[in-house]
Amino acid sequence: MLWPEGAGDRRHWGATAVCADHSEKMRLLVSLCRELARLGLPSVMSDARPALSVRGDPADPRVWISVSACGEFFEWCPRSGDRLLAADPETAAERIAAHLRTDAGHYATPADALHERG
């Protein structure tokens, strides 16, 4: 079996496991939540799904982000089909922030957002 890059330590999953369990998905979402907060984007966790939601401004619609079945990707923004490596929550948060800022007409890149905040 080929092991997906960024899926974590295969010993954690066992030889035949193909899906991430609920607690692993929540752990990945918490790491993304921290990175989004670092960029000034508060998010809301949903334990039932598991998923988190985030938006650029209070008036903007929420973007829901979940973890793929095997735990290797953050899945979000259905209209773009964009999937981001769960093993790299910092880059994933920057890409999500760039999308939210651009859609809201605020910032073109996460670097612009950081520069604006000082």
Protein backbone atom coordinates (compact mmCIF):
# COMPACT_ATOMS: atom_id res chain seq x y z
CA MET A 1 0.00 0.00 0.00
CA LEU A 2 1.34 3.42 -0.90
CA TRP A 3 1.23 5.74 2.05
CA PRO A 4 0.05 9.30 1.22
CA GLU A 5 2.67 11.95 1.80
CA GLY A 6 1.80 14.16 4.76
CA ALA A 7 -0.47 11.56 6.35
CA GLY A 8 1.72 11.23 9.42
CA ASP A 9 3.46 8.25 10.93
CA ARG A 10 2.08 5.05 9.39
CA ARG A 11 2.68 3.15 12.66
CA HIS A 12 -0.08 5.30 14.18
CA TRP A 13 -2.53 4.04 11.59
CA GLY A 14 -1.66 0.33 11.64
CA ALA A 15 -0.95 -1.81 8.60
CA THR A 16 -4.52 -2.07 7.31
CA ALA A 17 -6.09 1.19 8.46
CA VAL A 18 -7.19 3.52 5.68
CA CYS A 19 -9.14 6.20 7.54
CA ALA A 20 -8.27 8.81 10.13
CA ASP A 21 -10.33 8.50 13.28
CA HIS A 22 -12.35 11.32 14.82
CA SER A 23 -9.66 12.33 17.34
CA GLU A 24 -6.96 12.49 14.64
CA LYS A 25 -9.16 14.71 12.47
CA MET A 26 -9.84 16.97 15.46
CA ARG A 27 -6.10 17.17 16.21
CA LEU A 28 -5.39 18.27 12.63
CA LEU A 29 -8.20 20.84 12.71
CA VAL A 30 -6.94 22.28 16.02
CA SER A 31 -3.50 22.80 14.45
CA LEU A 32 -5.14 24.62 11.53
CA CYS A 33 -7.28 26.65 13.92
CA ARG A 34 -4.13 27.86 15.73
CA GLU A 35 -2.52 28.95 12.46
CA LEU A 36 -5.66 30.76 11.32
CA ALA A 37 -5.78 32.61 14.66
CA ARG A 38 -2.12 33.61 14.20
CA LEU A 39 -3.19 35.27 10.94
CA GLY A 40 -6.04 37.10 12.67
CA LEU A 41 -8.81 34.79 11.45
CA PRO A 42 -10.79 33.30 14.32
CA SER A 43 -12.46 30.00 13.50
CA VAL A 44 -15.21 27.91 15.04
CA MET A 45 -14.74 24.19 15.65
CA SER A 46 -17.52 21.66 15.12
CA ASP A 47 -16.83 18.46 17.01
CA ALA A 48 -19.83 16.69 15.50
CA ARG A 49 -18.61 16.88 11.89
CA PRO A 50 -15.50 17.22 12.59
CA ALA A 51 -14.85 20.50 10.80
CA LEU A 52 -14.12 24.15 11.39
CA SER A 53 -15.52 27.28 9.86
CA VAL A 54 -13.86 30.60 9.22
CA ARG A 55 -14.71 33.82 7.44
CA GLY A 56 -12.83 36.96 6.47
CA ASP A 57 -15.35 39.44 7.87
CA PRO A 58 -18.46 39.00 10.03
CA ALA A 59 -20.66 39.74 6.99
CA ASP A 60 -18.91 37.16 4.80
CA PRO A 61 -20.27 33.61 4.43
CA ARG A 62 -18.43 30.94 6.40
CA VAL A 63 -16.00 28.62 4.68
CA TRP A 64 -16.20 25.09 6.12
CA ILE A 65 -12.99 23.09 6.29
CA SER A 66 -12.84 19.36 6.97
CA VAL A 67 -10.18 16.65 6.90
CA SER A 68 -10.12 14.03 4.15
CA ALA A 69 -11.02 10.45 5.08
CA CYS A 70 -7.39 9.34 5.39
CA GLY A 71 -6.29 12.52 7.15
CA GLU A 72 -3.84 13.73 4.53
CA PHE A 73 -5.68 16.84 3.31
CA PHE A 74 -7.72 19.78 4.52
CA GLU A 75 -10.69 20.02 2.17
CA TRP A 76 -12.39 23.37 1.72
CA CYS A 77 -13.87 25.76 -0.78
CA PRO A 78 -15.93 23.29 -2.82
CA ARG A 79 -16.11 25.58 -5.84
CA SER A 80 -12.35 25.44 -6.28
CA GLY A 81 -11.82 21.81 -5.30
CA ASP A 82 -8.75 22.98 -3.41
CA ARG A 83 -7.15 20.48 -1.03
CA LEU A 84 -4.28 21.45 1.23
CA LEU A 85 -1.78 19.14 2.96
CA ALA A 86 -2.84 18.54 6.55
CA ALA A 87 0.81 17.96 7.48
CA ASP A 88 1.47 21.67 6.78
CA PRO A 89 -1.19 23.67 8.67
CA GLU A 90 0.81 26.91 8.42
CA THR A 91 0.76 26.91 4.61
CA ALA A 92 -2.85 25.73 4.58
CA ALA A 93 -3.87 28.65 6.83
CA GLU A 94 -1.99 31.13 4.63
CA ARG A 95 -3.74 29.84 1.50
CA ILE A 96 -7.15 29.99 3.19
CA ALA A 97 -6.44 33.51 4.49
CA ALA A 98 -5.40 34.64 1.02
CA HIS A 99 -8.63 33.25 -0.42
CA LEU A 100 -10.78 34.92 2.23
CA ARG A 101 -9.00 38.27 1.99
CA THR A 102 -9.10 38.32 -1.81
CA ASP A 103 -12.77 37.30 -1.98
CA ALA A 104 -13.64 40.02 0.53
CA GLY A 105 -11.55 42.57 -1.39
CA HIS A 106 -9.14 43.14 1.49
CA TYR A 107 -5.71 41.67 0.87
CA ALA A 108 -4.15 39.92 -2.09
CA THR A 109 -1.81 37.67 -0.07
CA PRO A 110 -1.31 36.56 3.55
CA ALA A 111 1.88 38.65 3.60
CA ASP A 112 -0.25 41.72 2.88
CA ALA A 113 -2.50 40.79 5.80
CA LEU A 114 0.50 40.43 8.14
CA HIS A 115 1.99 43.71 6.88
CA GLU A 116 -1.33 45.51 7.44
CA ARG A 117 -1.54 44.23 11.04
CA GLY A 118 1.90 45.60 11.72
